[in-house]
Amino acid sequence: MGLLEGKKALIFGVANDKSIAWAVAEAFRREGAEVALAYANEAVAKRVMPLAESIGVTLTLPCDVRSDDDLKATFAEIQKAWGGLDILVHSVAFANKEELKGSILNTTREGFNLALEISAYSLIAMAKEAAPLMQGRDGSIISMTYYGSTKVFPNYNVMGVAKAALEASVRYLAEGMGPDGVRVNAISAGPLRTLASAGVGGFTQIAGIVAGKAPLRRNISQEEVAGSAVYLASDLSRAVTGEVHFVDSGYNIIGL
């Protein structure tokens, strides 16, 4: 019997087969969870649909996380299909590519608002819709963050600010949803080659430094992040909430 047998999981953020969210979806299915995937738009759908089919996922839902109406419609479909929800995975982030290179002084007001809305506020908006579906189910909400939230990395700029806001949101949501038995945590993954990281200037150099300096002397894989997501989604972590769980080969403990 899998660790997530009988659980219902809604995952936002699968863009292709390199996405962290996709590795999480595969791991959840292996552990017995029923999975639904929410995708951003029709361009992404062309990649998501074959992936969903490959692991037997039949519930795929379009959702623009900037739209309250879209979010309400998505969670209404979950309510209709499943009657409730056990696990919500938020693996969503975006900033304009031109603002992920050079100095943070290049950040525009519009770019700042967009990055914070998609990368941070969307977690709160999702949690708001998920809350009534998680009543009495010991639910688990998991988001994805990065060490650039607390330390300065070249070119990460406004995304670092957005991830800091995301991590603060995790803590406040953990307190706000705790009385209903819902746990809220984040996973801080080391550098991974994904569609999102491709937009960050100098990513290859950052990954090389991490591999050379981390205690394990290597970078991580999507599957290793997914393993921690299984733990945080399962009853094994039923007393863990409000945490940022690092999966980065230990890089975050290193000073000079």
Protein backbone atom coordinates (compact mmCIF):
# COMPACT_ATOMS: atom_id res chain seq x y z
CA MET A 1 0.00 0.00 0.00
CA GLY A 2 1.41 3.39 -1.03
CA LEU A 3 2.00 6.30 1.32
CA LEU A 4 -0.71 8.32 -0.45
CA GLU A 5 -3.24 5.56 -1.06
CA GLY A 6 -6.74 7.02 -1.31
CA LYS A 7 -5.54 10.65 -1.34
CA LYS A 8 -6.75 13.22 -3.88
CA ALA A 9 -4.09 15.64 -5.13
CA LEU A 10 -4.42 18.74 -7.30
CA ILE A 11 -1.13 19.88 -8.84
CA PHE A 12 -0.53 23.28 -10.45
CA GLY A 13 2.54 23.95 -12.56
CA VAL A 14 3.26 21.08 -14.94
CA ALA A 15 4.71 22.69 -18.07
CA ASN A 16 6.68 19.77 -19.55
CA ASP A 17 8.43 16.56 -18.51
CA LYS A 18 11.27 18.53 -16.85
CA SER A 19 8.92 20.34 -14.46
CA ILE A 20 9.26 19.69 -10.74
CA ALA A 21 5.47 19.48 -10.70
CA TRP A 22 5.60 16.62 -13.19
CA ALA A 23 8.06 14.63 -11.08
CA VAL A 24 5.73 15.22 -8.12
CA ALA A 25 2.73 14.01 -10.11
CA GLU A 26 4.57 10.81 -11.09
CA ALA A 27 5.68 10.18 -7.49
CA PHE A 28 2.18 10.78 -6.12
CA ARG A 29 0.70 8.31 -8.59
CA ARG A 30 3.29 5.68 -7.65
CA GLU A 31 2.30 6.13 -4.01
CA GLY A 32 -1.38 5.58 -4.78
CA ALA A 33 -2.79 9.11 -5.00
CA GLU A 34 -5.41 10.14 -7.50
CA VAL A 35 -4.06 13.19 -9.33
CA ALA A 36 -5.53 16.15 -11.19
CA LEU A 37 -3.39 18.61 -13.15
CA ALA A 38 -4.14 22.30 -13.62
CA TYR A 39 -2.35 23.96 -16.55
CA ALA A 40 -1.88 27.58 -17.58
CA ASN A 41 -3.09 27.80 -21.19
CA GLU A 42 -3.66 25.96 -24.45
CA ALA A 43 0.00 26.18 -25.46
CA VAL A 44 0.95 24.30 -22.30
CA ALA A 45 -1.98 21.89 -22.72
CA LYS A 46 -0.32 20.35 -25.79
CA ARG A 47 2.52 19.17 -23.57
CA VAL A 48 0.50 18.39 -20.45
CA MET A 49 -2.20 16.19 -21.99
CA PRO A 50 0.13 13.38 -23.22
CA LEU A 51 1.95 13.42 -19.88
CA ALA A 52 -1.32 13.15 -17.96
CA GLU A 53 -2.44 10.26 -20.14
CA SER A 54 0.85 8.43 -19.57
CA ILE A 55 0.15 8.09 -15.82
CA GLY A 56 -3.59 7.62 -16.05
CA VAL A 57 -4.64 11.15 -15.06
CA THR A 58 -8.04 11.97 -16.54
CA LEU A 59 -8.79 15.23 -14.72
CA THR A 60 -6.91 18.10 -16.41
CA LEU A 61 -8.11 21.65 -15.89
CA PRO A 62 -7.17 24.96 -17.54
CA CYS A 63 -6.55 27.72 -15.00
CA ASP A 64 -5.02 31.18 -15.16
CA VAL A 65 -3.92 31.69 -11.56
CA ARG A 66 -4.32 35.46 -11.97
CA SER A 67 -8.07 34.98 -12.33
CA ASP A 68 -10.27 34.42 -9.27
CA ASP A 69 -12.99 33.18 -11.59
CA ASP A 70 -10.66 30.57 -13.10
CA LEU A 71 -9.57 29.41 -9.66
CA LYS A 72 -13.18 29.14 -8.44
CA ALA A 73 -14.09 27.13 -11.55
CA THR A 74 -11.10 24.80 -11.11
CA PHE A 75 -11.85 24.02 -7.48
CA ALA A 76 -15.55 23.65 -8.29
CA GLU A 77 -14.57 20.92 -10.76
CA ILE A 78 -12.52 19.22 -8.05
CA GLN A 79 -15.50 19.38 -5.69
CA LYS A 80 -17.75 17.91 -8.37
CA ALA A 81 -15.34 15.11 -9.28
CA TRP A 82 -13.99 14.15 -5.87
CA GLY A 83 -16.13 15.80 -3.21
CA GLY A 84 -13.01 17.04 -1.43
CA LEU A 85 -9.24 17.48 -1.63
CA ASP A 86 -6.33 16.11 0.42
CA ILE A 87 -3.26 17.61 -1.26
CA LEU A 88 -2.61 20.85 -3.13
CA VAL A 89 0.73 21.46 -4.87
CA HIS A 90 1.61 25.03 -5.90
CA SER A 91 4.53 24.91 -8.33
CA VAL A 92 3.88 28.20 -10.09
CA ALA A 93 6.23 31.14 -10.64
CA PHE A 94 6.79 33.78 -13.30
CA ALA A 95 8.74 36.98 -13.90
CA ASN A 96 9.49 38.81 -17.11
CA LYS A 97 12.67 37.39 -18.62
CA GLU A 98 14.24 40.80 -19.13
CA GLU A 99 13.97 41.42 -15.37
CA LEU A 100 15.89 38.23 -14.54
CA LYS A 101 19.22 39.57 -15.72
CA GLY A 102 21.40 42.44 -14.64
CA SER A 103 20.40 44.54 -11.65
CA ILE A 104 17.17 44.52 -9.66
CA LEU A 105 17.06 48.23 -10.51
CA ASN A 106 15.77 47.10 -13.91
CA THR A 107 12.54 45.91 -12.29
CA THR A 108 9.48 47.81 -13.45
CA ARG A 109 6.40 48.42 -11.33
CA GLU A 110 4.38 46.26 -13.71
CA GLY A 111 7.00 43.49 -13.64
CA PHE A 112 7.13 43.55 -9.85
CA ASN A 113 3.35 43.29 -9.53
CA LEU A 114 3.20 40.47 -12.09
CA ALA A 115 5.93 38.42 -10.39
CA LEU A 116 4.37 38.82 -6.94
CA GLU A 117 0.85 38.08 -8.17
CA ILE A 118 1.72 34.87 -10.01
CA SER A 119 4.54 33.58 -7.81
CA ALA A 120 3.25 34.47 -4.33
CA TYR A 121 -0.34 35.71 -4.14
CA SER A 122 -1.56 32.75 -6.19
CA LEU A 123 -0.73 30.45 -3.27
CA ILE A 124 -3.06 32.42 -0.98
CA ALA A 125 -5.76 32.50 -3.66
CA MET A 126 -5.51 28.71 -4.14
CA ALA A 127 -5.52 28.04 -0.40
CA LYS A 128 -8.66 30.13 -0.03
CA GLU A 129 -10.48 27.94 -2.56
CA ALA A 130 -8.97 24.69 -1.24
CA ALA A 131 -9.83 25.33 2.42
CA PRO A 132 -13.49 24.19 2.34
CA LEU A 133 -12.54 21.09 0.31
CA MET A 134 -9.91 20.09 2.88
CA GLN A 135 -12.17 20.31 5.93
CA GLY A 136 -11.75 17.22 8.10
CA ARG A 137 -9.24 15.59 5.74
CA ASP A 138 -5.88 16.50 7.37
CA GLY A 139 -4.94 18.30 4.17
CA SER A 140 -1.46 19.22 2.98
CA ILE A 141 -0.48 22.23 0.86
CA ILE A 142 3.01 22.29 -0.65
CA SER A 143 4.70 25.13 -2.53
CA MET A 144 8.06 25.36 -4.30
CA THR A 145 10.62 28.02 -3.41
CA TYR A 146 14.35 28.72 -3.78
CA TYR A 147 17.25 29.91 -1.60
CA GLY A 148 17.27 33.17 -3.56
CA SER A 149 14.46 34.20 -1.20
CA THR A 150 16.94 34.90 1.61
CA LYS A 151 20.33 35.19 -0.14
CA VAL A 152 21.27 37.23 -3.19
CA PHE A 153 21.91 35.25 -6.38
CA PRO A 154 23.02 36.92 -9.63
CA ASN A 155 20.08 37.88 -11.87
CA TYR A 156 17.41 36.34 -9.62
CA ASN A 157 16.24 39.85 -8.75
CA VAL A 158 12.46 40.26 -8.44
CA MET A 159 11.95 36.49 -8.28
CA GLY A 160 13.95 36.46 -5.04
CA VAL A 161 11.57 39.06 -3.63
CA ALA A 162 8.59 37.02 -4.81
CA LYS A 163 9.94 33.83 -3.23
CA ALA A 164 10.50 35.70 0.05
CA ALA A 165 6.84 36.74 -0.05
CA LEU A 166 5.87 33.17 -0.87
CA GLU A 167 7.73 31.78 2.15
CA ALA A 168 6.14 34.36 4.45
CA SER A 169 2.76 33.37 3.00
CA VAL A 170 3.50 29.72 3.81
CA ARG A 171 4.04 30.61 7.47
CA TYR A 172 0.91 32.75 7.74
CA LEU A 173 -1.20 30.16 5.92
CA ALA A 174 0.14 27.44 8.22
CA GLU A 175 -1.16 29.39 11.20
CA GLY A 176 -4.40 30.37 9.51
CA MET A 177 -5.27 26.87 8.30
CA GLY A 178 -3.78 24.90 11.19
CA PRO A 179 -6.97 24.90 13.30
CA ASP A 180 -8.68 22.97 10.48
CA GLY A 181 -5.86 20.41 10.40
CA VAL A 182 -4.37 21.67 7.13
CA ARG A 183 -0.55 21.77 6.94
CA VAL A 184 1.28 24.25 4.70
CA ASN A 185 4.95 23.81 3.80
CA ALA A 186 7.42 24.77 1.09
CA ILE A 187 10.26 22.87 -0.56
CA SER A 188 13.37 24.88 -1.38
CA ALA A 189 14.97 23.01 -4.25
CA GLY A 190 18.52 23.45 -5.47
CA PRO A 191 19.12 24.61 -9.06
CA LEU A 192 17.35 22.42 -11.64
CA ARG A 193 17.10 22.70 -15.39
CA THR A 194 13.45 23.57 -15.96
CA LEU A 195 11.49 25.89 -18.24
CA ALA A 196 11.47 28.46 -15.42
CA SER A 197 15.21 28.32 -14.66
CA ALA A 198 16.01 28.76 -18.35
CA GLY A 199 14.89 32.37 -18.00
CA VAL A 200 17.39 33.19 -15.24
CA GLY A 201 20.63 34.68 -16.56
CA GLY A 202 23.77 32.77 -15.53
CA PHE A 203 21.88 29.69 -14.37
CA THR A 204 24.60 27.29 -15.57
CA GLN A 205 27.25 29.11 -13.54
CA ILE A 206 25.07 29.05 -10.41
CA ALA A 207 24.44 25.31 -10.81
CA GLY A 208 28.17 24.71 -11.18
CA ILE A 209 29.03 26.61 -8.01
CA VAL A 210 26.36 24.75 -6.03
CA ALA A 211 27.63 21.38 -7.28
CA GLY A 212 31.17 22.28 -6.22
CA LYS A 213 30.37 23.76 -2.81
CA ALA A 214 27.37 21.77 -1.49
CA PRO A 215 28.23 19.15 1.15
CA LEU A 216 27.14 16.34 -1.19
CA ARG A 217 29.21 17.88 -4.03
CA ARG A 218 26.44 17.52 -6.59
CA ASN A 219 23.23 19.06 -7.82
CA ILE A 220 19.84 17.48 -7.28
CA SER A 221 17.18 15.87 -9.46
CA GLN A 222 13.48 16.52 -9.91
CA GLU A 223 12.84 13.05 -8.48
CA GLU A 224 14.60 13.96 -5.23
CA VAL A 225 12.35 16.98 -4.81
CA ALA A 226 9.34 14.77 -5.54
CA GLY A 227 10.43 12.37 -2.79
CA SER A 228 10.27 15.17 -0.24
CA ALA A 229 6.88 16.21 -1.61
CA VAL A 230 5.61 12.68 -0.96
CA TYR A 231 6.81 12.95 2.64
CA LEU A 232 5.16 16.36 3.14
CA ALA A 233 1.92 15.15 1.56
CA SER A 234 1.77 11.97 3.61
CA ASP A 235 0.86 11.20 7.22
CA LEU A 236 4.58 10.83 7.96
CA SER A 237 4.74 14.63 8.27
CA ARG A 238 1.43 15.12 10.08
CA ALA A 239 3.06 17.32 12.77
CA VAL A 240 5.10 19.42 10.30
CA THR A 241 3.77 22.77 9.11
CA GLY A 242 5.03 26.25 8.28
CA GLU A 243 8.42 24.87 7.25
CA VAL A 244 10.79 25.50 4.36
CA HIS A 245 12.29 22.08 3.63
CA PHE A 246 15.60 22.24 1.74
CA VAL A 247 16.42 19.75 -1.00
CA ASP A 248 19.70 21.21 -2.23
CA SER A 249 22.48 18.76 -1.35
CA GLY A 250 23.02 20.87 1.77
CA TYR A 251 24.14 24.03 -0.03
CA ASN A 252 22.09 26.27 2.26
CA ILE A 253 24.27 25.44 5.30
CA ILE A 254 27.51 26.62 3.68
CA GLY A 255 29.00 30.03 4.48
CA LEU A 256 32.33 30.81 2.82
